[in-house]
Amino acid sequence: MATRVAAAPNPDLVGIAGRVVGETAGTLRVAGESSRVRQVPKRGTVFEFAITDEAAVTREGTGTAFEPATAGEGAAHVTVDGSRLLSRPAERTENGGDSHWR
């Protein structure tokens, strides 16, 4: 899934963009255009995700890391406070939480 760091306590992290390639309870691993993988803490960081119909499919294509070729029409950009993602990925769907989407 394409993502970009919109705000962070560490100004060096702002602007990091790429595809999420891994996740822990406290971090997201983001691979940029140069295939460099950066580990970004979730706490205090605001992420912007590009959601497309192809988000669930792994494929190589044209476009930049944050603006894939398929992200034109039909793509939604969602801003998420990383603190809302602080949990093990596998447990996130198990806990009810305070989600307004259920």
PDB file of N, CA and C in Angstrom:
ATOM      1  N   MET A   1       0.848  -1.164   0.000  1.00  0.00           N
ATOM      2  CA  MET A   1       0.000   0.000   0.000  1.00  0.00           C
ATOM      3  C   MET A   1       0.900   1.235   0.000  1.00  0.00           C
ATOM      4  N   ALA A   2       0.598   2.205  -0.814  1.00  0.00           N
ATOM      5  CA  ALA A   2       1.393   3.425  -0.900  1.00  0.00           C
ATOM      6  C   ALA A   2       1.121   4.319   0.304  1.00  0.00           C
ATOM      7  N   THR A   3       2.198   4.894   0.855  1.00  0.00           N
ATOM      8  CA  THR A   3       2.061   5.774   2.008  1.00  0.00           C
ATOM      9  C   THR A   3       3.073   6.902   1.943  1.00  0.00           C
ATOM     10  N   ARG A   4       2.805   7.946   2.708  1.00  0.00           N
ATOM     11  CA  ARG A   4       3.716   9.082   2.841  1.00  0.00           C
ATOM     12  C   ARG A   4       3.614   9.578   4.267  1.00  0.00           C
ATOM     13  N   VAL A   5       4.764   9.971   4.848  1.00  0.00           N
ATOM     14  CA  VAL A   5       4.765  10.544   6.193  1.00  0.00           C
ATOM     15  C   VAL A   5       4.413  12.022   6.054  1.00  0.00           C
ATOM     16  N   ALA A   6       3.254  12.408   6.588  1.00  0.00           N
ATOM     17  CA  ALA A   6       2.776  13.788   6.487  1.00  0.00           C
ATOM     18  C   ALA A   6       3.297  14.653   7.629  1.00  0.00           C
ATOM     19  N   ALA A   7       3.461  14.077   8.817  1.00  0.00           N
ATOM     20  CA  ALA A   7       3.964  14.814   9.982  1.00  0.00           C
ATOM     21  C   ALA A   7       4.598  13.808  10.935  1.00  0.00           C
ATOM     22  N   ALA A   8       5.644  14.260  11.635  1.00  0.00           N
ATOM     23  CA  ALA A   8       6.329  13.372  12.581  1.00  0.00           C
ATOM     24  C   ALA A   8       7.102  14.210  13.583  1.00  0.00           C
ATOM     25  N   PRO A   9       7.316  13.673  14.797  1.00  0.00           N
ATOM     26  CA  PRO A   9       8.113  14.389  15.791  1.00  0.00           C
ATOM     27  C   PRO A   9       9.540  14.641  15.291  1.00  0.00           C
ATOM     28  N   ASN A  10      10.068  13.710  14.496  1.00  0.00           N
ATOM     29  CA  ASN A  10      11.391  13.860  13.898  1.00  0.00           C
ATOM     30  C   ASN A  10      11.213  14.438  12.498  1.00  0.00           C
ATOM     31  N   PRO A  11      11.620  15.690  12.260  1.00  0.00           N
ATOM     32  CA  PRO A  11      11.397  16.312  10.952  1.00  0.00           C
ATOM     33  C   PRO A  11      12.097  15.588   9.802  1.00  0.00           C
ATOM     34  N   ASP A  12      13.115  14.785  10.094  1.00  0.00           N
ATOM     35  CA  ASP A  12      13.797  14.031   9.041  1.00  0.00           C
ATOM     36  C   ASP A  12      12.904  12.956   8.428  1.00  0.00           C
ATOM     37  N   LEU A  13      11.863  12.554   9.136  1.00  0.00           N
ATOM     38  CA  LEU A  13      10.966  11.508   8.638  1.00  0.00           C
ATOM     39  C   LEU A  13       9.869  12.059   7.728  1.00  0.00           C
ATOM     40  N   VAL A  14       9.558  13.346   7.851  1.00  0.00           N
ATOM     41  CA  VAL A  14       8.485  13.953   7.057  1.00  0.00           C
ATOM     42  C   VAL A  14       8.855  13.886   5.575  1.00  0.00           C
ATOM     43  N   GLY A  15       7.929  13.396   4.780  1.00  0.00           N
ATOM     44  CA  GLY A  15       8.146  13.299   3.343  1.00  0.00           C
ATOM     45  C   GLY A  15       8.577  11.921   2.872  1.00  0.00           C
ATOM     46  N   ILE A  16       8.928  11.030   3.789  1.00  0.00           N
ATOM     47  CA  ILE A  16       9.266   9.667   3.381  1.00  0.00           C
ATOM     48  C   ILE A  16       8.045   9.076   2.692  1.00  0.00           C
ATOM     49  N   ALA A  17       8.249   8.535   1.508  1.00  0.00           N
ATOM     50  CA  ALA A  17       7.132   7.980   0.740  1.00  0.00           C
ATOM     51  C   ALA A  17       7.547   6.658   0.131  1.00  0.00           C
ATOM     52  N   GLY A  18       6.588   5.785  -0.027  1.00  0.00           N
ATOM     53  CA  GLY A  18       6.855   4.490  -0.636  1.00  0.00           C
ATOM     54  C   GLY A  18       5.744   3.517  -0.337  1.00  0.00           C
ATOM     55  N   ARG A  19       6.077   2.258  -0.417  1.00  0.00           N
ATOM     56  CA  ARG A  19       5.109   1.194  -0.155  1.00  0.00           C
ATOM     57  C   ARG A  19       5.390   0.572   1.203  1.00  0.00           C
ATOM     58  N   VAL A  20       4.325   0.301   1.949  1.00  0.00           N
ATOM     59  CA  VAL A  20       4.469  -0.382   3.231  1.00  0.00           C
ATOM     60  C   VAL A  20       4.842  -1.828   2.924  1.00  0.00           C
ATOM     61  N   VAL A  21       6.013  -2.245   3.433  1.00  0.00           N
ATOM     62  CA  VAL A  21       6.479  -3.611   3.176  1.00  0.00           C
ATOM     63  C   VAL A  21       6.525  -4.451   4.446  1.00  0.00           C
ATOM     64  N   GLY A  22       6.275  -3.827   5.591  1.00  0.00           N
ATOM     65  CA  GLY A  22       6.273  -4.567   6.844  1.00  0.00           C
ATOM     66  C   GLY A  22       5.709  -3.723   7.962  1.00  0.00           C
ATOM     67  N   GLU A  23       5.310  -4.390   9.027  1.00  0.00           N
ATOM     68  CA  GLU A  23       4.711  -3.674  10.150  1.00  0.00           C
ATOM     69  C   GLU A  23       4.983  -4.437  11.434  1.00  0.00           C
ATOM     70  N   THR A  24       5.285  -3.702  12.497  1.00  0.00           N
ATOM     71  CA  THR A  24       5.365  -4.263  13.840  1.00  0.00           C
ATOM     72  C   THR A  24       4.349  -3.515  14.685  1.00  0.00           C
ATOM     73  N   ALA A  25       4.287  -3.823  15.963  1.00  0.00           N
ATOM     74  CA  ALA A  25       3.342  -3.135  16.843  1.00  0.00           C
ATOM     75  C   ALA A  25       3.616  -1.642  16.892  1.00  0.00           C
ATOM     76  N   GLY A  26       4.879  -1.230  16.748  1.00  0.00           N
ATOM     77  CA  GLY A  26       5.212   0.180  16.901  1.00  0.00           C
ATOM     78  C   GLY A  26       5.779   0.873  15.685  1.00  0.00           C
ATOM     79  N   THR A  27       5.971   0.146  14.565  1.00  0.00           N
ATOM     80  CA  THR A  27       6.584   0.773  13.392  1.00  0.00           C
ATOM     81  C   THR A  27       5.955   0.292  12.091  1.00  0.00           C
ATOM     82  N   LEU A  28       6.146   1.100  11.043  1.00  0.00           N
ATOM     83  CA  LEU A  28       5.857   0.687   9.672  1.00  0.00           C
ATOM     84  C   LEU A  28       7.183   0.680   8.930  1.00  0.00           C
ATOM     85  N   ARG A  29       7.392  -0.307   8.062  1.00  0.00           N
ATOM     86  CA  ARG A  29       8.579  -0.353   7.219  1.00  0.00           C
ATOM     87  C   ARG A  29       8.142   0.092   5.832  1.00  0.00           C
ATOM     88  N   VAL A  30       8.799   1.161   5.323  1.00  0.00           N
ATOM     89  CA  VAL A  30       8.413   1.779   4.060  1.00  0.00           C
ATOM     90  C   VAL A  30       9.580   1.691   3.083  1.00  0.00           C
ATOM     91  N   ALA A  31       9.344   1.086   1.912  1.00  0.00           N
ATOM     92  CA  ALA A  31      10.356   0.980   0.861  1.00  0.00           C
ATOM     93  C   ALA A  31      10.120   2.097  -0.141  1.00  0.00           C
ATOM     94  N   GLY A  32      11.128   2.945  -0.339  1.00  0.00           N
ATOM     95  CA  GLY A  32      11.026   4.060  -1.273  1.00  0.00           C
ATOM     96  C   GLY A  32      11.401   3.648  -2.684  1.00  0.00           C
ATOM     97  N   GLU A  33      11.500   4.645  -3.567  1.00  0.00           N
ATOM     98  CA  GLU A  33      11.808   4.391  -4.970  1.00  0.00           C
ATOM     99  C   GLU A  33      13.154   3.709  -5.151  1.00  0.00           C
ATOM    100  N   SER A  34      14.122   4.030  -4.301  1.00  0.00           N
ATOM    101  CA  SER A  34      15.456   3.441  -4.426  1.00  0.00           C
ATOM    102  C   SER A  34      15.534   2.082  -3.744  1.00  0.00           C
ATOM    103  N   SER A  35      14.403   1.532  -3.347  1.00  0.00           N
ATOM    104  CA  SER A  35      14.297   0.252  -2.638  1.00  0.00           C
ATOM    105  C   SER A  35      14.891   0.302  -1.237  1.00  0.00           C
ATOM    106  N   ARG A  36      15.272   1.482  -0.775  1.00  0.00           N
ATOM    107  CA  ARG A  36      15.747   1.628   0.596  1.00  0.00           C
ATOM    108  C   ARG A  36      14.545   1.496   1.526  1.00  0.00           C
ATOM    109  N   VAL A  37      14.669   0.664   2.547  1.00  0.00           N
ATOM    110  CA  VAL A  37      13.575   0.450   3.490  1.00  0.00           C
ATOM    111  C   VAL A  37      13.844   1.272   4.740  1.00  0.00           C
ATOM    112  N   ARG A  38      12.877   2.115   5.092  1.00  0.00           N
ATOM    113  CA  ARG A  38      12.981   2.961   6.282  1.00  0.00           C
ATOM    114  C   ARG A  38      11.975   2.480   7.310  1.00  0.00           C
ATOM    115  N   GLN A  39      12.400   2.416   8.565  1.00  0.00           N
ATOM    116  CA  GLN A  39      11.514   2.018   9.649  1.00  0.00           C
ATOM    117  C   GLN A  39      11.021   3.293  10.325  1.00  0.00           C
ATOM    118  N   VAL A  40       9.710   3.515  10.300  1.00  0.00           N
ATOM    119  CA  VAL A  40       9.112   4.750  10.800  1.00  0.00           C
ATOM    120  C   VAL A  40       8.250   4.428  12.017  1.00  0.00           C
ATOM    121  N   PRO A  41       8.506   5.099  13.154  1.00  0.00           N
ATOM    122  CA  PRO A  41       7.669   4.843  14.334  1.00  0.00           C
ATOM    123  C   PRO A  41       6.242   5.338  14.106  1.00  0.00           C
ATOM    124  N   LYS A  42       5.266   4.591  14.610  1.00  0.00           N
ATOM    125  CA  LYS A  42       3.862   4.983  14.474  1.00  0.00           C
ATOM    126  C   LYS A  42       3.496   6.095  15.452  1.00  0.00           C
ATOM    127  N   ARG A  43       4.002   6.004  16.687  1.00  0.00           N
ATOM    128  CA  ARG A  43       3.630   6.955  17.737  1.00  0.00           C
ATOM    129  C   ARG A  43       4.029   8.381  17.331  1.00  0.00           C
ATOM    130  N   GLY A  44       3.051   9.274  17.279  1.00  0.00           N
ATOM    131  CA  GLY A  44       3.294  10.674  16.973  1.00  0.00           C
ATOM    132  C   GLY A  44       3.420  10.995  15.498  1.00  0.00           C
ATOM    133  N   THR A  45       3.327   9.999  14.635  1.00  0.00           N
ATOM    134  CA  THR A  45       3.490  10.202  13.197  1.00  0.00           C
ATOM    135  C   THR A  45       2.127  10.177  12.515  1.00  0.00           C
ATOM    136  N   VAL A  46       1.950  11.050  11.531  1.00  0.00           N
ATOM    137  CA  VAL A  46       0.722  11.077  10.731  1.00  0.00           C
ATOM    138  C   VAL A  46       1.071  10.532   9.351  1.00  0.00           C
ATOM    139  N   PHE A  47       0.356   9.498   8.928  1.00  0.00           N
ATOM    140  CA  PHE A  47       0.582   8.855   7.637  1.00  0.00           C
ATOM    141  C   PHE A  47      -0.546   9.209   6.679  1.00  0.00           C
ATOM    142  N   GLU A  48      -0.215   9.318   5.414  1.00  0.00           N
ATOM    143  CA  GLU A  48      -1.223   9.478   4.366  1.00  0.00           C
ATOM    144  C   GLU A  48      -1.112   8.252   3.470  1.00  0.00           C
ATOM    145  N   PHE A  49      -2.207   7.518   3.352  1.00  0.00           N
ATOM    146  CA  PHE A  49      -2.234   6.307   2.544  1.00  0.00           C
ATOM    147  C   PHE A  49      -3.020   6.562   1.268  1.00  0.00           C
ATOM    148  N   ALA A  50      -2.546   6.009   0.144  1.00  0.00           N
ATOM    149  CA  ALA A  50      -3.272   6.050  -1.126  1.00  0.00           C
ATOM    150  C   ALA A  50      -3.952   4.698  -1.285  1.00  0.00           C
ATOM    151  N   ILE A  51      -5.265   4.694  -1.257  1.00  0.00           N
ATOM    152  CA  ILE A  51      -6.038   3.460  -1.348  1.00  0.00           C
ATOM    153  C   ILE A  51      -6.583   3.331  -2.766  1.00  0.00           C
ATOM    154  N   THR A  52      -6.240   2.238  -3.431  1.00  0.00           N
ATOM    155  CA  THR A  52      -6.735   1.983  -4.785  1.00  0.00           C
ATOM    156  C   THR A  52      -7.412   0.625  -4.816  1.00  0.00           C
ATOM    157  N   ASP A  53      -8.091   0.335  -5.905  1.00  0.00           N
ATOM    158  CA  ASP A  53      -8.707  -0.982  -6.073  1.00  0.00           C
ATOM    159  C   ASP A  53      -7.653  -2.074  -6.090  1.00  0.00           C
ATOM    160  N   GLU A  54      -6.441  -1.732  -6.528  1.00  0.00           N
ATOM    161  CA  GLU A  54      -5.364  -2.705  -6.633  1.00  0.00           C
ATOM    162  C   GLU A  54      -4.537  -2.788  -5.360  1.00  0.00           C
ATOM    163  N   ALA A  55      -4.936  -2.117  -4.279  1.00  0.00           N
ATOM    164  CA  ALA A  55      -4.133  -2.068  -3.053  1.00  0.00           C
ATOM    165  C   ALA A  55      -3.871  -3.449  -2.476  1.00  0.00           C
ATOM    166  N   ALA A  56      -4.751  -4.381  -2.691  1.00  0.00           N
ATOM    167  CA  ALA A  56      -4.583  -5.719  -2.123  1.00  0.00           C
ATOM    168  C   ALA A  56      -3.750  -6.628  -3.017  1.00  0.00           C
ATOM    169  N   VAL A  57      -3.382  -6.151  -4.204  1.00  0.00           N
ATOM    170  CA  VAL A  57      -2.650  -6.979  -5.150  1.00  0.00           C
ATOM    171  C   VAL A  57      -1.214  -6.492  -5.233  1.00  0.00           C
ATOM    172  N   THR A  58      -0.261  -7.396  -5.113  1.00  0.00           N
ATOM    173  CA  THR A  58       1.139  -7.040  -5.271  1.00  0.00           C
ATOM    174  C   THR A  58       1.474  -7.134  -6.745  1.00  0.00           C
ATOM    175  N   ARG A  59       1.958  -6.021  -7.299  1.00  0.00           N
ATOM    176  CA  ARG A  59       2.367  -6.054  -8.694  1.00  0.00           C
ATOM    177  C   ARG A  59       3.348  -4.925  -8.949  1.00  0.00           C
ATOM    178  N   GLU A  60       4.216  -5.131  -9.917  1.00  0.00           N
ATOM    179  CA  GLU A  60       5.147  -4.097 -10.331  1.00  0.00           C
ATOM    180  C   GLU A  60       4.448  -3.269 -11.398  1.00  0.00           C
ATOM    181  N   GLY A  61       4.652  -1.977 -11.378  1.00  0.00           N
ATOM    182  CA  GLY A  61       4.015  -1.137 -12.373  1.00  0.00           C
ATOM    183  C   GLY A  61       4.729   0.182 -12.500  1.00  0.00           C
ATOM    184  N   THR A  62       4.185   1.042 -13.332  1.00  0.00           N
ATOM    185  CA  THR A  62       4.773   2.351 -13.511  1.00  0.00           C
ATOM    186  C   THR A  62       4.231   3.286 -12.458  1.00  0.00           C
ATOM    187  N   GLY A  63       4.815   4.464 -12.379  1.00  0.00           N
ATOM    188  CA  GLY A  63       4.387   5.439 -11.387  1.00  0.00           C
ATOM    189  C   GLY A  63       5.399   5.512 -10.266  1.00  0.00           C
ATOM    190  N   THR A  64       5.286   6.538  -9.439  1.00  0.00           N
ATOM    191  CA  THR A  64       6.209   6.683  -8.322  1.00  0.00           C
ATOM    192  C   THR A  64       5.710   5.869  -7.147  1.00  0.00           C
ATOM    193  N   ALA A  65       6.522   5.825  -6.102  1.00  0.00           N
ATOM    194  CA  ALA A  65       6.161   5.014  -4.944  1.00  0.00           C
ATOM    195  C   ALA A  65       4.866   5.488  -4.302  1.00  0.00           C
ATOM    196  N   PHE A  66       4.655   6.806  -4.247  1.00  0.00           N
ATOM    197  CA  PHE A  66       3.444   7.287  -3.596  1.00  0.00           C
ATOM    198  C   PHE A  66       2.308   7.529  -4.576  1.00  0.00           C
ATOM    199  N   GLU A  67       2.610   7.751  -5.817  1.00  0.00           N
ATOM    200  CA  GLU A  67       1.578   8.000  -6.826  1.00  0.00           C
ATOM    201  C   GLU A  67       1.631   6.901  -7.881  1.00  0.00           C
ATOM    202  N   PRO A  68       1.180   5.701  -7.550  1.00  0.00           N
ATOM    203  CA  PRO A  68       1.205   4.628  -8.541  1.00  0.00           C
ATOM    204  C   PRO A  68       0.347   4.989  -9.745  1.00  0.00           C
ATOM    205  N   ALA A  69       0.633   4.365 -10.865  1.00  0.00           N
ATOM    206  CA  ALA A  69      -0.097   4.658 -12.098  1.00  0.00           C
ATOM    207  C   ALA A  69      -1.593   4.468 -11.917  1.00  0.00           C
ATOM    208  N   THR A  70      -1.997   3.593 -11.011  1.00  0.00           N
ATOM    209  CA  THR A  70      -3.419   3.307 -10.805  1.00  0.00           C
ATOM    210  C   THR A  70      -4.074   4.253  -9.812  1.00  0.00           C
ATOM    211  N   ALA A  71      -3.318   5.221  -9.282  1.00  0.00           N
ATOM    212  CA  ALA A  71      -3.860   6.066  -8.215  1.00  0.00           C
ATOM    213  C   ALA A  71      -4.561   7.316  -8.730  1.00  0.00           C
ATOM    214  N   GLY A  72      -4.890   7.378  -9.994  1.00  0.00           N
ATOM    215  CA  GLY A  72      -5.584   8.541 -10.522  1.00  0.00           C
ATOM    216  C   GLY A  72      -7.026   8.555 -10.078  1.00  0.00           C
ATOM    217  N   GLU A  73      -7.928   8.252 -10.990  1.00  0.00           N
ATOM    218  CA  GLU A  73      -9.336   8.188 -10.630  1.00  0.00           C
ATOM    219  C   GLU A  73      -9.573   6.956  -9.768  1.00  0.00           C
ATOM    220  N   GLY A  74     -10.441   7.079  -8.816  1.00  0.00           N
ATOM    221  CA  GLY A  74     -10.770   5.941  -7.982  1.00  0.00           C
ATOM    222  C   GLY A  74      -9.846   5.735  -6.801  1.00  0.00           C
ATOM    223  N   ALA A  75      -8.794   6.551  -6.681  1.00  0.00           N
ATOM    224  CA  ALA A  75      -7.903   6.432  -5.528  1.00  0.00           C
ATOM    225  C   ALA A  75      -8.383   7.375  -4.436  1.00  0.00           C
ATOM    226  N   ALA A  76      -8.299   6.905  -3.214  1.00  0.00           N
ATOM    227  CA  ALA A  76      -8.651   7.742  -2.067  1.00  0.00           C
ATOM    228  C   ALA A  76      -7.396   7.932  -1.234  1.00  0.00           C
ATOM    229  N   HIS A  77      -7.172   9.155  -0.776  1.00  0.00           N
ATOM    230  CA  HIS A  77      -6.040   9.449   0.094  1.00  0.00           C
ATOM    231  C   HIS A  77      -6.594   9.613   1.501  1.00  0.00           C
ATOM    232  N   VAL A  78      -6.097   8.776   2.410  1.00  0.00           N
ATOM    233  CA  VAL A  78      -6.600   8.730   3.775  1.00  0.00           C
ATOM    234  C   VAL A  78      -5.480   9.113   4.730  1.00  0.00           C
ATOM    235  N   THR A  79      -5.766  10.043   5.633  1.00  0.00           N
ATOM    236  CA  THR A  79      -4.792  10.462   6.638  1.00  0.00           C
ATOM    237  C   THR A  79      -5.098   9.744   7.946  1.00  0.00           C
ATOM    238  N   VAL A  80      -4.053   9.127   8.528  1.00  0.00           N
ATOM    239  CA  VAL A  80      -4.229   8.331   9.743  1.00  0.00           C
ATOM    240  C   VAL A  80      -3.170   8.722  10.766  1.00  0.00           C
ATOM    241  N   ASP A  81      -3.604   8.976  11.997  1.00  0.00           N
ATOM    242  CA  ASP A  81      -2.677   9.200  13.101  1.00  0.00           C
ATOM    243  C   ASP A  81      -2.075   7.847  13.448  1.00  0.00           C
ATOM    244  N   GLY A  82      -0.756   7.739  13.353  1.00  0.00           N
ATOM    245  CA  GLY A  82      -0.079   6.476  13.609  1.00  0.00           C
ATOM    246  C   GLY A  82      -0.371   5.891  14.975  1.00  0.00           C
ATOM    247  N   SER A  83      -0.703   6.734  15.949  1.00  0.00           N
ATOM    248  CA  SER A  83      -1.025   6.237  17.287  1.00  0.00           C
ATOM    249  C   SER A  83      -2.254   5.329  17.265  1.00  0.00           C
ATOM    250  N   ARG A  84      -3.143   5.504  16.281  1.00  0.00           N
ATOM    251  CA  ARG A  84      -4.330   4.644  16.161  1.00  0.00           C
ATOM    252  C   ARG A  84      -3.954   3.252  15.661  1.00  0.00           C
ATOM    253  N   LEU A  85      -2.732   3.115  15.142  1.00  0.00           N
ATOM    254  CA  LEU A  85      -2.284   1.835  14.601  1.00  0.00           C
ATOM    255  C   LEU A  85      -1.378   1.076  15.566  1.00  0.00           C
ATOM    256  N   LEU A  86      -1.202   1.597  16.783  1.00  0.00           N
ATOM    257  CA  LEU A  86      -0.299   0.975  17.749  1.00  0.00           C
ATOM    258  C   LEU A  86      -0.887  -0.319  18.300  1.00  0.00           C
ATOM    259  N   SER A  87      -0.595  -1.402  17.656  1.00  0.00           N
ATOM    260  CA  SER A  87      -0.968  -2.742  18.110  1.00  0.00           C
ATOM    261  C   SER A  87      -0.323  -3.720  17.150  1.00  0.00           C
ATOM    262  N   ARG A  88      -0.313  -4.964  17.551  1.00  0.00           N
ATOM    263  CA  ARG A  88       0.166  -5.982  16.624  1.00  0.00           C
ATOM    264  C   ARG A  88      -0.848  -6.072  15.493  1.00  0.00           C
ATOM    265  N   PRO A  89      -0.387  -6.107  14.241  1.00  0.00           N
ATOM    266  CA  PRO A  89      -1.317  -6.145  13.110  1.00  0.00           C
ATOM    267  C   PRO A  89      -2.351  -7.267  13.214  1.00  0.00           C
ATOM    268  N   ALA A  90      -1.950  -8.428  13.692  1.00  0.00           N
ATOM    269  CA  ALA A  90      -2.877  -9.562  13.784  1.00  0.00           C
ATOM    270  C   ALA A  90      -3.968  -9.329  14.814  1.00  0.00           C
ATOM    271  N   GLU A  91      -3.688  -8.536  15.842  1.00  0.00           N
ATOM    272  CA  GLU A  91      -4.674  -8.288  16.896  1.00  0.00           C
ATOM    273  C   GLU A  91      -5.628  -7.143  16.561  1.00  0.00           C
ATOM    274  N   ARG A  92      -5.295  -6.342  15.582  1.00  0.00           N
ATOM    275  CA  ARG A  92      -6.098  -5.155  15.286  1.00  0.00           C
ATOM    276  C   ARG A  92      -7.533  -5.506  14.927  1.00  0.00           C
ATOM    277  N   THR A  93      -7.737  -6.594  14.213  1.00  0.00           N
ATOM    278  CA  THR A  93      -9.096  -6.975  13.822  1.00  0.00           C
ATOM    279  C   THR A  93      -9.826  -7.714  14.932  1.00  0.00           C
ATOM    280  N   GLU A  94      -9.088  -8.239  15.914  1.00  0.00           N
ATOM    281  CA  GLU A  94      -9.708  -8.981  17.009  1.00  0.00           C
ATOM    282  C   GLU A  94     -10.337  -8.065  18.046  1.00  0.00           C
ATOM    283  N   ASN A  95      -9.735  -6.911  18.279  1.00  0.00           N
ATOM    284  CA  ASN A  95     -10.215  -5.985  19.305  1.00  0.00           C
ATOM    285  C   ASN A  95     -11.287  -5.078  18.730  1.00  0.00           C
ATOM    286  N   GLY A  96     -12.341  -4.849  19.475  1.00  0.00           N
ATOM    287  CA  GLY A  96     -13.426  -3.987  19.011  1.00  0.00           C
ATOM    288  C   GLY A  96     -13.003  -2.540  18.884  1.00  0.00           C
ATOM    289  N   GLY A  97     -12.292  -2.018  19.866  1.00  0.00           N
ATOM    290  CA  GLY A  97     -11.831  -0.637  19.824  1.00  0.00           C
ATOM    291  C   GLY A  97     -12.975   0.350  19.745  1.00  0.00           C
ATOM    292  N   ASP A  98     -12.668   1.558  19.317  1.00  0.00           N
ATOM    293  CA  ASP A  98     -13.672   2.619  19.217  1.00  0.00           C
ATOM    294  C   ASP A  98     -13.926   2.999  17.761  1.00  0.00           C
ATOM    295  N   SER A  99     -13.809   2.032  16.863  1.00  0.00           N
ATOM    296  CA  SER A  99     -13.966   2.294  15.442  1.00  0.00           C
ATOM    297  C   SER A  99     -15.399   2.706  15.111  1.00  0.00           C
ATOM    298  N   HIS A 100     -15.514   3.739  14.295  1.00  0.00           N
ATOM    299  CA  HIS A 100     -16.826   4.195  13.823  1.00  0.00           C
ATOM    300  C   HIS A 100     -17.246   3.438  12.568  1.00  0.00           C
ATOM    301  N   TRP A 101     -16.374   2.545  12.068  1.00  0.00           N
ATOM    302  CA  TRP A 101     -16.633   1.838  10.825  1.00  0.00           C
ATOM    303  C   TRP A 101     -17.324   0.508  11.048  1.00  0.00           C
ATOM    304  N   ARG A 102     -17.600   0.132  12.285  1.00  0.00           N
ATOM    305  CA  ARG A 102     -18.245  -1.156  12.556  1.00  0.00           C
ATOM    306  C   ARG A 102     -19.718  -0.978  12.743  1.00  0.00           C
TER     307      ARG A 102
END
